[in-house]
Amino acid sequence: MISRASAERIGDLKHVVVDPAERRITAIHVAGRRARARLVDWGAIVGFGPDAIVVDDDAAAREPADERERAVASGHLDLEG
């Protein structure tokens, strides 16, 4: 994942956060620069390709907002297959 504003690497896609009721991706878990879990809301992504995911700026990465997001970021809740 790269920030368009700074051209800095934010991290790598680790997991996706899915809203099962809506059947859609709501956020992605980013692993990399920081030791603590960071998520980027799906709506904050401005580019998605085979080499990189692009967001407007570094501020797009945030802390998990609830227990489900913390479980995804810790690897305790993951998609099968």
Protein backbone atom coordinates (compact mmCIF):
# COMPACT_ATOMS: atom_id res chain seq x y z
CA MET A 1 0.00 0.00 0.00
CA ILE A 2 1.33 3.40 -0.99
CA SER A 3 0.35 6.95 -0.05
CA ARG A 4 -0.29 9.07 -3.13
CA ALA A 5 0.54 12.25 -1.18
CA SER A 6 3.97 11.18 0.06
CA ALA A 7 4.79 8.25 -2.26
CA GLU A 8 5.75 6.39 0.95
CA ARG A 9 5.00 2.74 1.53
CA ILE A 10 2.38 2.30 4.25
CA GLY A 11 2.48 -1.48 4.37
CA ASP A 12 1.23 -4.69 2.79
CA LEU A 13 -2.27 -6.11 2.50
CA LYS A 14 -2.59 -8.73 5.24
CA HIS A 15 -6.33 -9.42 5.70
CA VAL A 16 -9.67 -8.06 4.55
CA VAL A 17 -12.51 -7.01 6.85
CA VAL A 18 -15.84 -8.22 5.48
CA ASP A 19 -19.32 -7.14 6.56
CA PRO A 20 -21.19 -10.45 6.32
CA ALA A 21 -24.62 -8.80 6.34
CA GLU A 22 -23.72 -6.50 3.44
CA ARG A 23 -21.51 -9.14 1.76
CA ARG A 24 -18.78 -6.62 0.99
CA ILE A 25 -15.26 -5.65 1.98
CA THR A 26 -15.32 -2.73 4.42
CA ALA A 27 -11.61 -2.35 5.21
CA ILE A 28 -8.21 -3.93 4.72
CA HIS A 29 -5.62 -4.77 7.35
CA VAL A 30 -2.24 -3.29 6.56
CA ALA A 31 0.94 -4.83 8.00
CA GLY A 32 4.25 -3.08 7.70
CA ARG A 33 5.68 0.12 9.12
CA ARG A 34 3.93 0.04 12.48
CA ALA A 35 3.82 -2.75 15.03
CA ARG A 36 0.18 -2.16 15.97
CA ALA A 37 -2.75 -3.12 13.77
CA ARG A 38 -3.76 -0.58 11.14
CA LEU A 39 -6.83 -0.67 8.90
CA VAL A 40 -7.72 1.29 5.80
CA ASP A 41 -11.39 1.77 4.92
CA TRP A 42 -12.30 0.37 1.52
CA GLY A 43 -13.66 3.77 0.48
CA ALA A 44 -10.26 5.40 1.14
CA ILE A 45 -8.58 3.36 -1.60
CA VAL A 46 -8.06 5.41 -4.77
CA GLY A 47 -6.20 2.80 -6.81
CA PHE A 48 -5.96 -0.99 -6.77
CA GLY A 49 -3.66 -2.88 -9.10
CA PRO A 50 -1.34 -5.89 -9.33
CA ASP A 51 1.66 -3.95 -7.95
CA ALA A 52 0.14 -1.63 -5.37
CA ILE A 53 -2.87 -0.37 -3.50
CA VAL A 54 -2.97 3.43 -3.41
CA VAL A 55 -4.58 5.72 -0.82
CA ASP A 56 -4.63 9.53 -0.78
CA ASP A 57 -2.34 9.88 2.23
CA ASP A 58 -0.84 8.17 5.29
CA ALA A 59 -3.76 9.36 7.43
CA ALA A 60 -5.98 6.76 5.73
CA ALA A 61 -4.56 4.08 8.08
CA ARG A 62 -6.45 3.88 11.37
CA GLU A 63 -6.81 1.77 14.50
CA PRO A 64 -9.39 -1.07 14.50
CA ALA A 65 -12.76 0.40 15.52
CA ASP A 66 -14.39 -2.61 17.19
CA GLU A 67 -13.84 -6.16 18.41
CA ARG A 68 -14.52 -7.72 14.97
CA GLU A 69 -11.89 -5.51 13.33
CA ARG A 70 -9.40 -6.32 16.13
CA ALA A 71 -10.06 -10.04 15.60
CA VAL A 72 -9.40 -9.72 11.85
CA ALA A 73 -6.22 -7.69 12.41
CA SER A 74 -4.91 -10.23 14.93
CA GLY A 75 -5.56 -13.14 12.56
CA HIS A 76 -8.25 -14.72 14.77
CA LEU A 77 -11.04 -14.08 12.26
CA ASP A 78 -10.10 -14.88 8.67
CA LEU A 79 -11.86 -15.96 5.49
CA GLU A 80 -11.63 -19.63 4.64
CA GLY A 81 -10.23 -20.56 1.24
